[in-house]
Amino acid sequence: MAKSIPKKGPRKNVRIGSRNHTRKIPKGIIHVQASFNNTIVTITDVRGRVISWSSAGTCGFKGTRWGTPFAAQTTAGNVIRTVSDQGMQRAEIMIKGPGLGRDATLRAIRRSGILLNFIRDVTPMPHNGCQADTIGIAIRRILLGEIEGTCITRVKSEKIPHEYSTIIGIEESVHEIFMNLKKIVLKSNMYGTQDTWISFKGPGYITAQDIIIPPSVEIVDNRQHIANLRTS
């Protein structure tokens, strides 16, 4: 025996809930970046989350009109309309940059009806940089002068008029040789000045171990390079 199939009625689309829920933001922060070429307005909540933003380029301005006051006023108006629909009533303004759209943007925000708590200019200002204290420099020099140590203080050579001369047969200049000699670390338990000298027959590389030193002086690193002698 065949069973009768019950007829189904027309399907009805029942909407249980709406996902298009607009978040209410009563207070926010308006960031204005006004440069000579563009004006960008960004609105965030008090936690820093971006709600809406606009610029002169997104408003349809092109070329040199990006940095005009009219473009800045239009940009501010577009972004303010978006947050007004979300119930924003109070705001703080952070303005940055020396562009022409600064004042036009502020006028557009004031006419929107949003109450402004304060307006803060966060444009970075150039300064002369960090300068050490004069007393600190004097103390540092005094302390460094009291530290005892051993180092090469002077170099004497024949037939060299000045430190920027060159020596025939040596790859480095006299100045470079002096800089290499300053890198040599010495240790000594004696006070006063002592003489050392170099006697080397090339070609070859002259290093710190080729320095003839008195027994009271010790070279920490004998591999320190001094010069490259190409000829004998």
Protein backbone atom coordinates (compact mmCIF):
# COMPACT_ATOMS: atom_id res chain seq x y z
CA MET A 1 0.00 0.00 0.00
CA ALA A 2 1.51 3.29 -1.07
CA LYS A 3 1.90 6.02 1.50
CA SER A 4 0.91 9.52 0.67
CA ILE A 5 3.75 12.03 0.70
CA PRO A 6 2.84 15.15 2.62
CA LYS A 7 3.12 18.31 0.65
CA LYS A 8 5.56 20.88 1.82
CA GLY A 9 4.58 24.48 1.81
CA PRO A 10 6.67 27.28 0.36
CA ARG A 11 9.93 27.93 2.19
CA LYS A 12 10.05 31.10 4.17
CA ASN A 13 13.32 32.85 4.83
CA VAL A 14 13.21 33.74 8.47
CA ARG A 15 15.89 36.23 9.54
CA ILE A 16 16.99 35.34 13.03
CA GLY A 17 19.46 38.14 13.62
CA SER A 18 21.22 40.92 11.79
CA ARG A 19 24.99 40.79 11.40
CA ASN A 20 25.20 44.33 10.14
CA HIS A 21 25.74 45.74 13.61
CA THR A 22 27.26 49.20 13.75
CA ARG A 23 29.68 49.71 16.59
CA LYS A 24 29.00 52.81 18.65
CA ILE A 25 32.10 54.87 19.38
CA PRO A 26 31.32 57.94 21.51
CA LYS A 27 34.95 59.13 21.74
CA GLY A 28 37.94 58.90 19.43
CA ILE A 29 41.23 60.39 18.32
CA ILE A 30 41.64 62.27 15.03
CA HIS A 31 45.13 62.09 13.53
CA VAL A 32 45.88 64.74 10.90
CA GLN A 33 49.03 64.46 8.80
CA ALA A 34 49.38 67.57 6.65
CA SER A 35 52.37 67.61 4.31
CA PHE A 36 53.06 69.91 1.38
CA ASN A 37 51.91 67.22 -1.06
CA ASN A 38 48.98 65.53 0.68
CA THR A 39 46.64 65.56 3.69
CA ILE A 40 45.75 62.30 5.45
CA VAL A 41 43.09 62.14 8.18
CA THR A 42 42.82 58.98 10.30
CA ILE A 43 40.31 58.44 13.10
CA THR A 44 40.88 55.79 15.77
CA ASP A 45 39.22 54.83 19.01
CA VAL A 46 40.87 55.42 22.37
CA ARG A 47 42.71 52.08 22.02
CA GLY A 48 44.29 53.06 18.70
CA ARG A 49 42.14 50.88 16.42
CA VAL A 50 41.48 52.55 13.08
CA ILE A 51 37.82 53.39 12.45
CA SER A 52 38.05 55.39 9.25
CA TRP A 53 40.61 57.24 7.18
CA SER A 54 40.76 59.35 4.06
CA SER A 55 43.24 61.32 2.00
CA ALA A 56 43.22 63.83 -0.82
CA GLY A 57 44.00 61.06 -3.28
CA THR A 58 41.05 58.88 -2.24
CA CYS A 59 38.76 61.90 -2.56
CA GLY A 60 39.58 62.21 -6.26
CA PHE A 61 42.14 65.01 -6.24
CA LYS A 62 45.09 64.65 -8.58
CA GLY A 63 48.46 66.23 -9.12
CA THR A 64 49.24 69.49 -7.40
CA ARG A 65 45.73 69.75 -5.91
CA TRP A 66 46.59 67.14 -3.27
CA GLY A 67 48.19 69.71 -0.98
CA THR A 68 45.54 72.45 -1.33
CA PRO A 69 43.35 73.59 1.60
CA PHE A 70 40.19 72.64 -0.33
CA ALA A 71 41.43 69.06 -0.69
CA ALA A 72 42.15 68.93 3.04
CA GLN A 73 38.68 70.26 3.86
CA THR A 74 37.04 67.66 1.62
CA THR A 75 39.15 64.89 3.13
CA ALA A 76 38.16 65.83 6.67
CA GLY A 77 34.48 66.07 5.73
CA ASN A 78 34.43 62.58 4.23
CA VAL A 79 36.02 60.91 7.22
CA ILE A 80 33.91 62.86 9.74
CA ARG A 81 30.66 61.72 8.10
CA THR A 82 31.68 58.10 8.59
CA VAL A 83 32.30 58.40 12.33
CA SER A 84 29.27 60.64 12.89
CA ASP A 85 27.05 57.73 11.84
CA GLN A 86 28.70 55.65 14.57
CA GLY A 87 27.80 58.13 17.28
CA MET A 88 31.11 59.87 17.88
CA GLN A 89 30.54 62.98 19.98
CA ARG A 90 33.95 63.81 21.46
CA ALA A 91 37.42 63.63 19.99
CA GLU A 92 41.04 64.59 20.50
CA ILE A 93 43.13 65.94 17.62
CA MET A 94 46.76 65.05 16.95
CA ILE A 95 48.02 67.22 14.10
CA LYS A 96 51.37 66.73 12.41
CA GLY A 97 53.12 68.45 9.53
CA PRO A 98 53.57 71.96 8.09
CA GLY A 99 51.24 71.55 5.10
CA LEU A 100 48.66 74.04 3.85
CA GLY A 101 45.80 71.76 4.87
CA ARG A 102 46.30 72.15 8.63
CA ASP A 103 43.89 75.03 9.22
CA ALA A 104 41.36 73.86 6.65
CA THR A 105 41.17 70.45 8.31
CA LEU A 106 40.65 71.97 11.76
CA ARG A 107 37.88 74.24 10.48
CA ALA A 108 36.08 71.30 8.89
CA ILE A 109 36.28 69.29 12.13
CA ARG A 110 34.95 72.21 14.22
CA ARG A 111 31.97 72.67 11.88
CA SER A 112 31.08 68.98 12.15
CA GLY A 113 29.68 69.39 15.67
CA ILE A 114 32.13 67.03 17.39
CA LEU A 115 33.30 68.40 20.74
CA LEU A 116 37.08 68.70 20.88
CA ASN A 117 38.81 67.99 24.19
CA PHE A 118 42.18 69.34 23.06
CA ILE A 119 44.33 69.87 19.98
CA ARG A 120 47.96 68.77 20.19
CA ASP A 121 50.65 69.58 17.63
CA VAL A 122 53.01 66.60 17.36
CA THR A 123 55.16 67.95 14.52
CA PRO A 124 58.81 66.99 15.21
CA MET A 125 61.05 70.02 15.62
CA PRO A 126 64.76 69.92 14.68
CA HIS A 127 67.34 70.68 17.35
CA ASN A 128 71.11 70.79 17.64
CA GLY A 129 71.35 67.20 18.84
CA CYS A 130 72.56 65.77 22.10
CA GLN A 131 75.39 67.70 23.70
CA ALA A 132 77.51 66.40 26.52
CA ASP A 133 77.79 68.39 29.71
CA THR A 134 80.97 70.47 30.03
CA ILE A 135 81.63 69.20 33.56
CA GLY A 136 81.26 65.61 32.38
CA ILE A 137 83.82 66.13 29.62
CA ALA A 138 86.32 67.61 32.07
CA ILE A 139 85.86 64.73 34.53
CA ARG A 140 86.27 62.17 31.76
CA ARG A 141 89.54 63.74 30.62
CA ILE A 142 90.87 63.83 34.16
CA LEU A 143 90.01 60.17 34.75
CA LEU A 144 91.57 59.07 31.46
CA GLY A 145 94.70 61.05 32.27
CA GLU A 146 95.11 59.18 35.55
CA ILE A 147 95.00 55.72 33.92
CA GLU A 148 98.48 54.24 33.68
CA GLY A 149 99.56 52.33 30.60
CA THR A 150 102.24 51.71 27.98
CA CYS A 151 102.01 52.77 24.36
CA ILE A 152 104.03 54.10 21.45
CA THR A 153 104.23 57.88 21.83
CA ARG A 154 106.53 58.92 18.98
CA VAL A 155 108.19 57.54 15.84
CA LYS A 156 111.46 58.73 14.32
CA SER A 157 112.74 57.88 10.85
CA GLU A 158 115.35 59.25 8.48
CA LYS A 159 114.57 61.15 5.26
CA ILE A 160 110.82 61.48 5.89
CA PRO A 161 109.66 65.12 5.71
CA HIS A 162 106.13 64.64 7.13
CA GLU A 163 103.63 61.96 8.09
CA TYR A 164 101.78 62.02 4.75
CA SER A 165 104.87 61.10 2.75
CA THR A 166 105.45 57.79 0.99
CA ILE A 167 108.47 55.52 1.26
CA ILE A 168 109.83 53.85 -1.87
CA GLY A 169 109.41 50.10 -1.64
CA ILE A 170 106.69 50.16 1.06
CA GLU A 171 103.04 49.73 0.12
CA GLU A 172 101.59 51.77 3.00
CA SER A 173 102.02 55.49 3.43
CA VAL A 174 103.74 56.91 6.49
CA HIS A 175 100.38 57.88 7.97
CA GLU A 176 99.06 54.33 7.59
CA ILE A 177 102.21 52.98 9.26
CA PHE A 178 101.63 55.34 12.19
CA MET A 179 98.03 54.14 12.52
CA ASN A 180 99.19 50.51 12.55
CA LEU A 181 101.76 51.29 15.23
CA LYS A 182 99.04 52.85 17.40
CA LYS A 183 97.15 49.54 17.33
CA ILE A 184 100.02 47.68 19.02
CA VAL A 185 99.17 46.85 22.63
CA LEU A 186 102.11 46.92 25.05
CA LYS A 187 102.60 45.90 28.68
CA SER A 188 105.36 47.13 30.96
CA ASN A 189 106.16 47.32 34.67
CA MET A 190 108.66 50.16 34.28
CA TYR A 191 108.12 53.93 34.39
CA GLY A 192 109.67 56.39 31.99
CA THR A 193 110.44 56.44 28.27
CA GLN A 194 112.25 53.58 26.56
CA ASP A 195 113.51 53.29 22.99
CA THR A 196 112.67 50.48 20.56
CA TRP A 197 113.51 50.05 16.89
CA ILE A 198 112.71 47.95 13.84
CA SER A 199 115.33 46.23 11.71
CA PHE A 200 113.83 44.27 8.82
CA LYS A 201 115.15 43.02 5.49
CA GLY A 202 112.54 42.41 2.81
CA PRO A 203 110.58 41.73 0.85
CA GLY A 204 107.94 40.66 3.36
CA TYR A 205 105.36 41.77 5.89
CA ILE A 206 106.55 43.75 8.90
CA THR A 207 104.63 42.84 12.06
CA ALA A 208 104.89 43.65 15.74
CA GLN A 209 107.23 40.72 16.37
CA ASP A 210 109.90 42.50 14.28
CA ILE A 211 110.13 45.29 16.86
CA ILE A 212 113.23 45.01 19.03
CA ILE A 213 112.07 45.86 22.54
CA PRO A 214 113.77 45.93 25.96
CA PRO A 215 113.11 43.04 28.39
CA SER A 216 110.77 45.16 30.53
CA VAL A 217 108.28 45.65 27.67
CA GLU A 218 105.94 42.96 26.33
CA ILE A 219 103.90 42.98 23.11
CA VAL A 220 100.46 41.48 23.62
CA ASP A 221 99.79 40.58 19.95
CA ASN A 222 102.91 39.91 17.88
CA ARG A 223 100.84 39.42 14.70
CA GLN A 224 99.80 43.07 14.44
CA HIS A 225 100.51 44.23 10.88
CA ILE A 226 102.71 47.31 10.42
CA ALA A 227 103.76 47.53 6.75
CA ASN A 228 104.38 45.56 3.57
CA LEU A 229 107.99 45.83 2.32
CA ARG A 230 108.08 45.03 -1.41
CA THR A 231 111.83 45.35 -1.98
CA SER A 232 114.90 44.61 0.07
